[in-house]
Amino acid sequence: MAMNQPIAVTTDSFQEQVLRAEKPVLVDFWADWCGPCRKLEPVVEEIAAETDAVRVCKINVDHDPQLASLYHISSIPTVMLFRSGKPAASVTGVHSKEAILRMLDQI
């Protein structure tokens, strides 16, 4: 079992943690005030803890709005999968762990 935690990413660490990552990166775009984001948080934490296949990161859109804007995040929570530094898939809203893992399997 991996037992990893999601990595808090900022504009300063985004390039290294997400764009230059050697494996796919699952990014959770969220905010403190967002109720659905809080519902999704345990799902994202479970994925981080249970798999080494992807790096799991979280971006607070209130702290780093330029990253949300760059990737056209208009609703949160949005979970976006990056592969080789580029967005490969995304889902918006609260989804089950299984649904997010299926997204990972499709790429």
PDB file of N, CA and C in Angstrom:
ATOM      1  N   MET A   1       0.841  -1.182   0.000  1.00  0.00           N
ATOM      2  CA  MET A   1       0.000   0.000   0.000  1.00  0.00           C
ATOM      3  C   MET A   1       0.884   1.244   0.000  1.00  0.00           C
ATOM      4  N   ALA A   2       0.523   2.231  -0.752  1.00  0.00           N
ATOM      5  CA  ALA A   2       1.358   3.404  -0.964  1.00  0.00           C
ATOM      6  C   ALA A   2       1.436   4.307   0.264  1.00  0.00           C
ATOM      7  N   MET A   3       0.296   4.633   0.887  1.00  0.00           N
ATOM      8  CA  MET A   3       0.214   5.506   2.059  1.00  0.00           C
ATOM      9  C   MET A   3       0.737   6.922   1.812  1.00  0.00           C
ATOM     10  N   ASN A   4       0.624   7.399   0.611  1.00  0.00           N
ATOM     11  CA  ASN A   4       0.999   8.774   0.286  1.00  0.00           C
ATOM     12  C   ASN A   4      -0.135   9.719   0.652  1.00  0.00           C
ATOM     13  N   GLN A   5       0.203  10.985   0.815  1.00  0.00           N
ATOM     14  CA  GLN A   5      -0.772  12.049   1.041  1.00  0.00           C
ATOM     15  C   GLN A   5      -0.801  12.937  -0.200  1.00  0.00           C
ATOM     16  N   PRO A   6      -1.931  13.582  -0.481  1.00  0.00           N
ATOM     17  CA  PRO A   6      -1.936  14.563  -1.573  1.00  0.00           C
ATOM     18  C   PRO A   6      -0.925  15.674  -1.284  1.00  0.00           C
ATOM     19  N   ILE A   7      -0.283  16.161  -2.325  1.00  0.00           N
ATOM     20  CA  ILE A   7       0.726  17.216  -2.213  1.00  0.00           C
ATOM     21  C   ILE A   7       0.059  18.552  -2.504  1.00  0.00           C
ATOM     22  N   ALA A   8       0.195  19.493  -1.581  1.00  0.00           N
ATOM     23  CA  ALA A   8      -0.323  20.845  -1.816  1.00  0.00           C
ATOM     24  C   ALA A   8       0.605  21.537  -2.808  1.00  0.00           C
ATOM     25  N   VAL A   9       0.056  21.964  -3.929  1.00  0.00           N
ATOM     26  CA  VAL A   9       0.842  22.581  -4.997  1.00  0.00           C
ATOM     27  C   VAL A   9       0.431  24.040  -5.143  1.00  0.00           C
ATOM     28  N   THR A  10       1.430  24.884  -5.376  1.00  0.00           N
ATOM     29  CA  THR A  10       1.198  26.307  -5.621  1.00  0.00           C
ATOM     30  C   THR A  10       1.748  26.653  -6.998  1.00  0.00           C
ATOM     31  N   THR A  11       1.569  27.890  -7.388  1.00  0.00           N
ATOM     32  CA  THR A  11       2.128  28.346  -8.662  1.00  0.00           C
ATOM     33  C   THR A  11       3.630  28.088  -8.704  1.00  0.00           C
ATOM     34  N   ASP A  12       4.303  28.301  -7.576  1.00  0.00           N
ATOM     35  CA  ASP A  12       5.759  28.128  -7.521  1.00  0.00           C
ATOM     36  C   ASP A  12       6.200  26.679  -7.699  1.00  0.00           C
ATOM     37  N   SER A  13       5.408  25.732  -7.227  1.00  0.00           N
ATOM     38  CA  SER A  13       5.815  24.325  -7.297  1.00  0.00           C
ATOM     39  C   SER A  13       5.117  23.544  -8.413  1.00  0.00           C
ATOM     40  N   PHE A  14       4.199  24.179  -9.134  1.00  0.00           N
ATOM     41  CA  PHE A  14       3.390  23.490 -10.139  1.00  0.00           C
ATOM     42  C   PHE A  14       4.241  22.856 -11.237  1.00  0.00           C
ATOM     43  N   GLN A  15       5.198  23.590 -11.747  1.00  0.00           N
ATOM     44  CA  GLN A  15       5.999  23.057 -12.850  1.00  0.00           C
ATOM     45  C   GLN A  15       6.746  21.797 -12.424  1.00  0.00           C
ATOM     46  N   GLU A  16       7.370  21.849 -11.264  1.00  0.00           N
ATOM     47  CA  GLU A  16       8.133  20.694 -10.801  1.00  0.00           C
ATOM     48  C   GLU A  16       7.226  19.523 -10.419  1.00  0.00           C
ATOM     49  N   GLN A  17       6.169  19.784  -9.665  1.00  0.00           N
ATOM     50  CA  GLN A  17       5.322  18.711  -9.145  1.00  0.00           C
ATOM     51  C   GLN A  17       4.372  18.117 -10.184  1.00  0.00           C
ATOM     52  N   VAL A  18       3.939  18.924 -11.147  1.00  0.00           N
ATOM     53  CA  VAL A  18       2.926  18.460 -12.099  1.00  0.00           C
ATOM     54  C   VAL A  18       3.494  18.342 -13.514  1.00  0.00           C
ATOM     55  N   LEU A  19       3.996  19.434 -14.050  1.00  0.00           N
ATOM     56  CA  LEU A  19       4.399  19.438 -15.459  1.00  0.00           C
ATOM     57  C   LEU A  19       5.632  18.591 -15.740  1.00  0.00           C
ATOM     58  N   ARG A  20       6.554  18.510 -14.794  1.00  0.00           N
ATOM     59  CA  ARG A  20       7.784  17.734 -15.001  1.00  0.00           C
ATOM     60  C   ARG A  20       7.734  16.341 -14.384  1.00  0.00           C
ATOM     61  N   ALA A  21       6.613  15.950 -13.851  1.00  0.00           N
ATOM     62  CA  ALA A  21       6.505  14.645 -13.183  1.00  0.00           C
ATOM     63  C   ALA A  21       6.717  13.516 -14.182  1.00  0.00           C
ATOM     64  N   GLU A  22       7.384  12.474 -13.726  1.00  0.00           N
ATOM     65  CA  GLU A  22       7.655  11.336 -14.598  1.00  0.00           C
ATOM     66  C   GLU A  22       6.459  10.402 -14.723  1.00  0.00           C
ATOM     67  N   LYS A  23       5.527  10.482 -13.785  1.00  0.00           N
ATOM     68  CA  LYS A  23       4.321   9.656 -13.866  1.00  0.00           C
ATOM     69  C   LYS A  23       3.109  10.574 -13.946  1.00  0.00           C
ATOM     70  N   PRO A  24       1.951  10.033 -14.290  1.00  0.00           N
ATOM     71  CA  PRO A  24       0.748  10.870 -14.362  1.00  0.00           C
ATOM     72  C   PRO A  24       0.468  11.548 -13.020  1.00  0.00           C
ATOM     73  N   VAL A  25      -0.163  12.717 -13.095  1.00  0.00           N
ATOM     74  CA  VAL A  25      -0.480  13.489 -11.895  1.00  0.00           C
ATOM     75  C   VAL A  25      -1.976  13.796 -11.885  1.00  0.00           C
ATOM     76  N   LEU A  26      -2.615  13.459 -10.788  1.00  0.00           N
ATOM     77  CA  LEU A  26      -4.022  13.763 -10.571  1.00  0.00           C
ATOM     78  C   LEU A  26      -4.086  15.028  -9.722  1.00  0.00           C
ATOM     79  N   VAL A  27      -4.700  16.085 -10.262  1.00  0.00           N
ATOM     80  CA  VAL A  27      -4.755  17.370  -9.566  1.00  0.00           C
ATOM     81  C   VAL A  27      -6.198  17.672  -9.174  1.00  0.00           C
ATOM     82  N   ASP A  28      -6.396  17.928  -7.890  1.00  0.00           N
ATOM     83  CA  ASP A  28      -7.702  18.313  -7.351  1.00  0.00           C
ATOM     84  C   ASP A  28      -7.714  19.831  -7.189  1.00  0.00           C
ATOM     85  N   PHE A  29      -8.510  20.521  -8.003  1.00  0.00           N
ATOM     86  CA  PHE A  29      -8.702  21.965  -7.868  1.00  0.00           C
ATOM     87  C   PHE A  29      -9.854  22.169  -6.888  1.00  0.00           C
ATOM     88  N   TRP A  30      -9.623  22.892  -5.791  1.00  0.00           N
ATOM     89  CA  TRP A  30     -10.593  22.992  -4.710  1.00  0.00           C
ATOM     90  C   TRP A  30     -10.499  24.358  -4.028  1.00  0.00           C
ATOM     91  N   ALA A  31     -11.395  24.593  -3.052  1.00  0.00           N
ATOM     92  CA  ALA A  31     -11.353  25.794  -2.207  1.00  0.00           C
ATOM     93  C   ALA A  31     -11.933  25.447  -0.838  1.00  0.00           C
ATOM     94  N   ASP A  32     -11.495  26.184   0.188  1.00  0.00           N
ATOM     95  CA  ASP A  32     -11.953  25.939   1.564  1.00  0.00           C
ATOM     96  C   ASP A  32     -13.464  26.063   1.712  1.00  0.00           C
ATOM     97  N   TRP A  33     -14.063  27.023   1.037  1.00  0.00           N
ATOM     98  CA  TRP A  33     -15.489  27.326   1.197  1.00  0.00           C
ATOM     99  C   TRP A  33     -16.401  26.382   0.416  1.00  0.00           C
ATOM    100  N   CYS A  34     -15.848  25.497  -0.362  1.00  0.00           N
ATOM    101  CA  CYS A  34     -16.609  24.649  -1.287  1.00  0.00           C
ATOM    102  C   CYS A  34     -17.053  23.351  -0.601  1.00  0.00           C
ATOM    103  N   GLY A  35     -18.369  23.235  -0.343  1.00  0.00           N
ATOM    104  CA  GLY A  35     -18.913  22.032   0.280  1.00  0.00           C
ATOM    105  C   GLY A  35     -18.646  20.758  -0.508  1.00  0.00           C
ATOM    106  N   PRO A  36     -18.919  20.741  -1.817  1.00  0.00           N
ATOM    107  CA  PRO A  36     -18.616  19.542  -2.601  1.00  0.00           C
ATOM    108  C   PRO A  36     -17.123  19.181  -2.577  1.00  0.00           C
ATOM    109  N   CYS A  37     -16.253  20.180  -2.477  1.00  0.00           N
ATOM    110  CA  CYS A  37     -14.814  19.905  -2.390  1.00  0.00           C
ATOM    111  C   CYS A  37     -14.504  19.113  -1.120  1.00  0.00           C
ATOM    112  N   ARG A  38     -15.157  19.477  -0.023  1.00  0.00           N
ATOM    113  CA  ARG A  38     -14.950  18.762   1.240  1.00  0.00           C
ATOM    114  C   ARG A  38     -15.457  17.326   1.140  1.00  0.00           C
ATOM    115  N   LYS A  39     -16.529  17.111   0.380  1.00  0.00           N
ATOM    116  CA  LYS A  39     -17.036  15.746   0.182  1.00  0.00           C
ATOM    117  C   LYS A  39     -16.061  14.909  -0.646  1.00  0.00           C
ATOM    118  N   LEU A  40     -15.389  15.544  -1.594  1.00  0.00           N
ATOM    119  CA  LEU A  40     -14.457  14.829  -2.465  1.00  0.00           C
ATOM    120  C   LEU A  40     -13.110  14.575  -1.785  1.00  0.00           C
ATOM    121  N   GLU A  41     -12.767  15.378  -0.797  1.00  0.00           N
ATOM    122  CA  GLU A  41     -11.442  15.290  -0.169  1.00  0.00           C
ATOM    123  C   GLU A  41     -11.066  13.885   0.303  1.00  0.00           C
ATOM    124  N   PRO A  42     -11.940  13.145   1.015  1.00  0.00           N
ATOM    125  CA  PRO A  42     -11.545  11.798   1.431  1.00  0.00           C
ATOM    126  C   PRO A  42     -11.302  10.854   0.257  1.00  0.00           C
ATOM    127  N   VAL A  43     -12.008  11.053  -0.834  1.00  0.00           N
ATOM    128  CA  VAL A  43     -11.807  10.230  -2.032  1.00  0.00           C
ATOM    129  C   VAL A  43     -10.409  10.474  -2.597  1.00  0.00           C
ATOM    130  N   VAL A  44     -10.032  11.744  -2.702  1.00  0.00           N
ATOM    131  CA  VAL A  44      -8.709  12.103  -3.220  1.00  0.00           C
ATOM    132  C   VAL A  44      -7.622  11.562  -2.291  1.00  0.00           C
ATOM    133  N   GLU A  45      -7.844  11.662  -0.984  1.00  0.00           N
ATOM    134  CA  GLU A  45      -6.866  11.148  -0.021  1.00  0.00           C
ATOM    135  C   GLU A  45      -6.728   9.634  -0.124  1.00  0.00           C
ATOM    136  N   GLU A  46      -7.839   8.928  -0.329  1.00  0.00           N
ATOM    137  CA  GLU A  46      -7.784   7.469  -0.498  1.00  0.00           C
ATOM    138  C   GLU A  46      -6.987   7.092  -1.737  1.00  0.00           C
ATOM    139  N   ILE A  47      -7.210   7.790  -2.835  1.00  0.00           N
ATOM    140  CA  ILE A  47      -6.474   7.495  -4.068  1.00  0.00           C
ATOM    141  C   ILE A  47      -4.984   7.711  -3.842  1.00  0.00           C
ATOM    142  N   ALA A  48      -4.625   8.803  -3.175  1.00  0.00           N
ATOM    143  CA  ALA A  48      -3.209   9.074  -2.891  1.00  0.00           C
ATOM    144  C   ALA A  48      -2.609   7.974  -2.024  1.00  0.00           C
ATOM    145  N   ALA A  49      -3.370   7.520  -1.024  1.00  0.00           N
ATOM    146  CA  ALA A  49      -2.863   6.518  -0.092  1.00  0.00           C
ATOM    147  C   ALA A  49      -2.744   5.133  -0.712  1.00  0.00           C
ATOM    148  N   GLU A  50      -3.575   4.851  -1.706  1.00  0.00           N
ATOM    149  CA  GLU A  50      -3.674   3.488  -2.213  1.00  0.00           C
ATOM    150  C   GLU A  50      -2.937   3.217  -3.514  1.00  0.00           C
ATOM    151  N   THR A  51      -2.435   4.242  -4.179  1.00  0.00           N
ATOM    152  CA  THR A  51      -1.781   3.972  -5.463  1.00  0.00           C
ATOM    153  C   THR A  51      -0.474   4.736  -5.612  1.00  0.00           C
ATOM    154  N   ASP A  52       0.481   4.060  -6.201  1.00  0.00           N
ATOM    155  CA  ASP A  52       1.736   4.712  -6.585  1.00  0.00           C
ATOM    156  C   ASP A  52       1.742   5.021  -8.078  1.00  0.00           C
ATOM    157  N   ALA A  53       0.671   4.646  -8.780  1.00  0.00           N
ATOM    158  CA  ALA A  53       0.627   4.812 -10.234  1.00  0.00           C
ATOM    159  C   ALA A  53       0.554   6.273 -10.645  1.00  0.00           C
ATOM    160  N   VAL A  54       0.005   7.116  -9.762  1.00  0.00           N
ATOM    161  CA  VAL A  54      -0.099   8.547 -10.048  1.00  0.00           C
ATOM    162  C   VAL A  54       0.343   9.337  -8.830  1.00  0.00           C
ATOM    163  N   ARG A  55       0.819  10.542  -9.075  1.00  0.00           N
ATOM    164  CA  ARG A  55       1.056  11.511  -8.007  1.00  0.00           C
ATOM    165  C   ARG A  55      -0.253  12.270  -7.829  1.00  0.00           C
ATOM    166  N   VAL A  56      -0.663  12.499  -6.597  1.00  0.00           N
ATOM    167  CA  VAL A  56      -1.902  13.216  -6.316  1.00  0.00           C
ATOM    168  C   VAL A  56      -1.557  14.570  -5.699  1.00  0.00           C
ATOM    169  N   CYS A  57      -2.083  15.627  -6.318  1.00  0.00           N
ATOM    170  CA  CYS A  57      -1.814  16.991  -5.865  1.00  0.00           C
ATOM    171  C   CYS A  57      -3.125  17.736  -5.674  1.00  0.00           C
ATOM    172  N   LYS A  58      -3.075  18.783  -4.856  1.00  0.00           N
ATOM    173  CA  LYS A  58      -4.242  19.636  -4.615  1.00  0.00           C
ATOM    174  C   LYS A  58      -3.837  21.084  -4.859  1.00  0.00           C
ATOM    175  N   ILE A  59      -4.705  21.827  -5.532  1.00  0.00           N
ATOM    176  CA  ILE A  59      -4.474  23.253  -5.776  1.00  0.00           C
ATOM    177  C   ILE A  59      -5.672  24.022  -5.241  1.00  0.00           C
ATOM    178  N   ASN A  60      -5.415  24.909  -4.291  1.00  0.00           N
ATOM    179  CA  ASN A  60      -6.455  25.775  -3.750  1.00  0.00           C
ATOM    180  C   ASN A  60      -6.647  26.928  -4.732  1.00  0.00           C
ATOM    181  N   VAL A  61      -7.801  26.976  -5.372  1.00  0.00           N
ATOM    182  CA  VAL A  61      -8.029  27.975  -6.427  1.00  0.00           C
ATOM    183  C   VAL A  61      -8.096  29.396  -5.881  1.00  0.00           C
ATOM    184  N   ASP A  62      -8.389  29.555  -4.595  1.00  0.00           N
ATOM    185  CA  ASP A  62      -8.376  30.894  -4.002  1.00  0.00           C
ATOM    186  C   ASP A  62      -6.957  31.404  -3.811  1.00  0.00           C
ATOM    187  N   HIS A  63      -6.032  30.498  -3.503  1.00  0.00           N
ATOM    188  CA  HIS A  63      -4.635  30.887  -3.302  1.00  0.00           C
ATOM    189  C   HIS A  63      -3.874  31.001  -4.619  1.00  0.00           C
ATOM    190  N   ASP A  64      -4.277  30.226  -5.609  1.00  0.00           N
ATOM    191  CA  ASP A  64      -3.586  30.204  -6.906  1.00  0.00           C
ATOM    192  C   ASP A  64      -4.584  30.296  -8.057  1.00  0.00           C
ATOM    193  N   PRO A  65      -5.300  31.426  -8.153  1.00  0.00           N
ATOM    194  CA  PRO A  65      -6.328  31.556  -9.194  1.00  0.00           C
ATOM    195  C   PRO A  65      -5.763  31.531 -10.611  1.00  0.00           C
ATOM    196  N   GLN A  66      -4.495  31.906 -10.777  1.00  0.00           N
ATOM    197  CA  GLN A  66      -3.911  31.906 -12.115  1.00  0.00           C
ATOM    198  C   GLN A  66      -3.795  30.490 -12.677  1.00  0.00           C
ATOM    199  N   LEU A  67      -3.547  29.501 -11.820  1.00  0.00           N
ATOM    200  CA  LEU A  67      -3.503  28.115 -12.302  1.00  0.00           C
ATOM    201  C   LEU A  67      -4.894  27.641 -12.707  1.00  0.00           C
ATOM    202  N   ALA A  68      -5.889  27.993 -11.918  1.00  0.00           N
ATOM    203  CA  ALA A  68      -7.266  27.631 -12.270  1.00  0.00           C
ATOM    204  C   ALA A  68      -7.660  28.275 -13.593  1.00  0.00           C
ATOM    205  N   SER A  69      -7.278  29.513 -13.775  1.00  0.00           N
ATOM    206  CA  SER A  69      -7.601  30.230 -15.011  1.00  0.00           C
ATOM    207  C   SER A  69      -6.877  29.619 -16.207  1.00  0.00           C
ATOM    208  N   LEU A  70      -5.610  29.290 -16.025  1.00  0.00           N
ATOM    209  CA  LEU A  70      -4.801  28.717 -17.100  1.00  0.00           C
ATOM    210  C   LEU A  70      -5.424  27.431 -17.645  1.00  0.00           C
ATOM    211  N   TYR A  71      -6.021  26.634 -16.753  1.00  0.00           N
ATOM    212  CA  TYR A  71      -6.609  25.359 -17.165  1.00  0.00           C
ATOM    213  C   TYR A  71      -8.135  25.427 -17.262  1.00  0.00           C
ATOM    214  N   HIS A  72      -8.662  26.655 -17.333  1.00  0.00           N
ATOM    215  CA  HIS A  72     -10.093  26.896 -17.575  1.00  0.00           C
ATOM    216  C   HIS A  72     -10.989  26.187 -16.561  1.00  0.00           C
ATOM    217  N   ILE A  73     -10.586  26.252 -15.300  1.00  0.00           N
ATOM    218  CA  ILE A  73     -11.387  25.667 -14.229  1.00  0.00           C
ATOM    219  C   ILE A  73     -12.481  26.666 -13.876  1.00  0.00           C
ATOM    220  N   SER A  74     -13.723  26.356 -14.230  1.00  0.00           N
ATOM    221  CA  SER A  74     -14.827  27.274 -13.961  1.00  0.00           C
ATOM    222  C   SER A  74     -15.728  26.778 -12.839  1.00  0.00           C
ATOM    223  N   SER A  75     -15.635  25.503 -12.499  1.00  0.00           N
ATOM    224  CA  SER A  75     -16.403  24.921 -11.400  1.00  0.00           C
ATOM    225  C   SER A  75     -15.481  24.028 -10.584  1.00  0.00           C
ATOM    226  N   ILE A  76     -15.740  23.999  -9.275  1.00  0.00           N
ATOM    227  CA  ILE A  76     -14.956  23.122  -8.414  1.00  0.00           C
ATOM    228  C   ILE A  76     -15.902  22.271  -7.586  1.00  0.00           C
ATOM    229  N   PRO A  77     -15.466  21.095  -7.181  1.00  0.00           N
ATOM    230  CA  PRO A  77     -14.152  20.540  -7.434  1.00  0.00           C
ATOM    231  C   PRO A  77     -14.013  20.049  -8.879  1.00  0.00           C
ATOM    232  N   THR A  78     -12.825  20.231  -9.404  1.00  0.00           N
ATOM    233  CA  THR A  78     -12.458  19.630 -10.679  1.00  0.00           C
ATOM    234  C   THR A  78     -11.203  18.805 -10.443  1.00  0.00           C
ATOM    235  N   VAL A  79     -11.227  17.575 -10.899  1.00  0.00           N
ATOM    236  CA  VAL A  79     -10.063  16.699 -10.821  1.00  0.00           C
ATOM    237  C   VAL A  79      -9.551  16.540 -12.239  1.00  0.00           C
ATOM    238  N   MET A  80      -8.289  16.926 -12.438  1.00  0.00           N
ATOM    239  CA  MET A  80      -7.692  16.890 -13.771  1.00  0.00           C
ATOM    240  C   MET A  80      -6.481  15.964 -13.747  1.00  0.00           C
ATOM    241  N   LEU A  81      -6.384  15.134 -14.753  1.00  0.00           N
ATOM    242  CA  LEU A  81      -5.263  14.221 -14.880  1.00  0.00           C
ATOM    243  C   LEU A  81      -4.277  14.781 -15.894  1.00  0.00           C
ATOM    244  N   PHE A  82      -3.026  14.923 -15.474  1.00  0.00           N
ATOM    245  CA  PHE A  82      -1.958  15.387 -16.351  1.00  0.00           C
ATOM    246  C   PHE A  82      -1.070  14.208 -16.698  1.00  0.00           C
ATOM    247  N   ARG A  83      -0.728  14.109 -17.967  1.00  0.00           N
ATOM    248  CA  ARG A  83       0.200  13.079 -18.432  1.00  0.00           C
ATOM    249  C   ARG A  83       1.224  13.770 -19.318  1.00  0.00           C
ATOM    250  N   SER A  84       2.496  13.556 -19.034  1.00  0.00           N
ATOM    251  CA  SER A  84       3.592  14.193 -19.780  1.00  0.00           C
ATOM    252  C   SER A  84       3.425  15.712 -19.806  1.00  0.00           C
ATOM    253  N   GLY A  85       2.962  16.270 -18.688  1.00  0.00           N
ATOM    254  CA  GLY A  85       2.853  17.717 -18.561  1.00  0.00           C
ATOM    255  C   GLY A  85       1.649  18.352 -19.222  1.00  0.00           C
ATOM    256  N   LYS A  86       0.731  17.526 -19.728  1.00  0.00           N
ATOM    257  CA  LYS A  86      -0.445  18.073 -20.419  1.00  0.00           C
ATOM    258  C   LYS A  86      -1.720  17.476 -19.833  1.00  0.00           C
ATOM    259  N   PRO A  87      -2.809  18.270 -19.796  1.00  0.00           N
ATOM    260  CA  PRO A  87      -4.081  17.716 -19.322  1.00  0.00           C
ATOM    261  C   PRO A  87      -4.544  16.588 -20.247  1.00  0.00           C
ATOM    262  N   ALA A  88      -4.901  15.449 -19.650  1.00  0.00           N
ATOM    263  CA  ALA A  88      -5.331  14.297 -20.440  1.00  0.00           C
ATOM    264  C   ALA A  88      -6.805  13.970 -20.228  1.00  0.00           C
ATOM    265  N   ALA A  89      -7.338  14.330 -19.063  1.00  0.00           N
ATOM    266  CA  ALA A  89      -8.744  14.049 -18.750  1.00  0.00           C
ATOM    267  C   ALA A  89      -9.130  14.864 -17.528  1.00  0.00           C
ATOM    268  N   SER A  90     -10.432  15.094 -17.368  1.00  0.00           N
ATOM    269  CA  SER A  90     -10.886  15.785 -16.160  1.00  0.00           C
ATOM    270  C   SER A  90     -12.341  15.449 -15.881  1.00  0.00           C
ATOM    271  N   VAL A  91     -12.713  15.598 -14.616  1.00  0.00           N
ATOM    272  CA  VAL A  91     -14.102  15.466 -14.186  1.00  0.00           C
ATOM    273  C   VAL A  91     -14.388  16.602 -13.213  1.00  0.00           C
ATOM    274  N   THR A  92     -15.609  17.093 -13.253  1.00  0.00           N
ATOM    275  CA  THR A  92     -16.023  18.171 -12.361  1.00  0.00           C
ATOM    276  C   THR A  92     -17.141  17.663 -11.469  1.00  0.00           C
ATOM    277  N   GLY A  93     -17.095  18.071 -10.208  1.00  0.00           N
ATOM    278  CA  GLY A  93     -18.104  17.652  -9.246  1.00  0.00           C
ATOM    279  C   GLY A  93     -17.602  16.517  -8.379  1.00  0.00           C
ATOM    280  N   VAL A  94     -18.477  16.043  -7.510  1.00  0.00           N
ATOM    281  CA  VAL A  94     -18.125  14.954  -6.601  1.00  0.00           C
ATOM    282  C   VAL A  94     -18.324  13.631  -7.330  1.00  0.00           C
ATOM    283  N   HIS A  95     -17.268  12.836  -7.364  1.00  0.00           N
ATOM    284  CA  HIS A  95     -17.312  11.522  -8.010  1.00  0.00           C
ATOM    285  C   HIS A  95     -16.790  10.475  -7.041  1.00  0.00           C
ATOM    286  N   SER A  96     -17.157   9.245  -7.262  1.00  0.00           N
ATOM    287  CA  SER A  96     -16.664   8.149  -6.428  1.00  0.00           C
ATOM    288  C   SER A  96     -15.209   7.865  -6.767  1.00  0.00           C
ATOM    289  N   LYS A  97     -14.559   7.190  -5.846  1.00  0.00           N
ATOM    290  CA  LYS A  97     -13.174   6.774  -6.090  1.00  0.00           C
ATOM    291  C   LYS A  97     -13.113   5.903  -7.340  1.00  0.00           C
ATOM    292  N   GLU A  98     -14.090   5.025  -7.490  1.00  0.00           N
ATOM    293  CA  GLU A  98     -14.106   4.124  -8.644  1.00  0.00           C
ATOM    294  C   GLU A  98     -14.203   4.899  -9.952  1.00  0.00           C
ATOM    295  N   ALA A  99     -15.030   5.942  -9.979  1.00  0.00           N
ATOM    296  CA  ALA A  99     -15.181   6.746 -11.199  1.00  0.00           C
ATOM    297  C   ALA A  99     -13.878   7.457 -11.547  1.00  0.00           C
ATOM    298  N   ILE A 100     -13.192   7.966 -10.542  1.00  0.00           N
ATOM    299  CA  ILE A 100     -11.919   8.649 -10.804  1.00  0.00           C
ATOM    300  C   ILE A 100     -10.868   7.639 -11.241  1.00  0.00           C
ATOM    301  N   LEU A 101     -10.845   6.477 -10.620  1.00  0.00           N
ATOM    302  CA  LEU A 101      -9.889   5.446 -11.030  1.00  0.00           C
ATOM    303  C   LEU A 101     -10.160   4.974 -12.455  1.00  0.00           C
ATOM    304  N   ARG A 102     -11.434   4.916 -12.857  1.00  0.00           N
ATOM    305  CA  ARG A 102     -11.751   4.561 -14.253  1.00  0.00           C
ATOM    306  C   ARG A 102     -11.169   5.594 -15.210  1.00  0.00           C
ATOM    307  N   MET A 103     -11.212   6.862 -14.823  1.00  0.00           N
ATOM    308  CA  MET A 103     -10.616   7.912 -15.650  1.00  0.00           C
ATOM    309  C   MET A 103      -9.115   7.649 -15.808  1.00  0.00           C
ATOM    310  N   LEU A 104      -8.469   7.219 -14.741  1.00  0.00           N
ATOM    311  CA  LEU A 104      -7.036   6.919 -14.808  1.00  0.00           C
ATOM    312  C   LEU A 104      -6.776   5.742 -15.736  1.00  0.00           C
ATOM    313  N   ASP A 105      -7.659   4.758 -15.701  1.00  0.00           N
ATOM    314  CA  ASP A 105      -7.483   3.562 -16.526  1.00  0.00           C
ATOM    315  C   ASP A 105      -7.681   3.836 -18.010  1.00  0.00           C
ATOM    316  N   GLN A 106      -8.416   4.888 -18.343  1.00  0.00           N
ATOM    317  CA  GLN A 106      -8.740   5.164 -19.744  1.00  0.00           C
ATOM    318  C   GLN A 106      -7.590   5.790 -20.520  1.00  0.00           C
ATOM    319  N   ILE A 107      -6.589   6.276 -19.818  1.00  0.00           N
ATOM    320  CA  ILE A 107      -5.512   6.933 -20.569  1.00  0.00           C
ATOM    321  C   ILE A 107      -4.271   6.075 -20.635  1.00  0.00           C
TER     322      ILE A 107
END
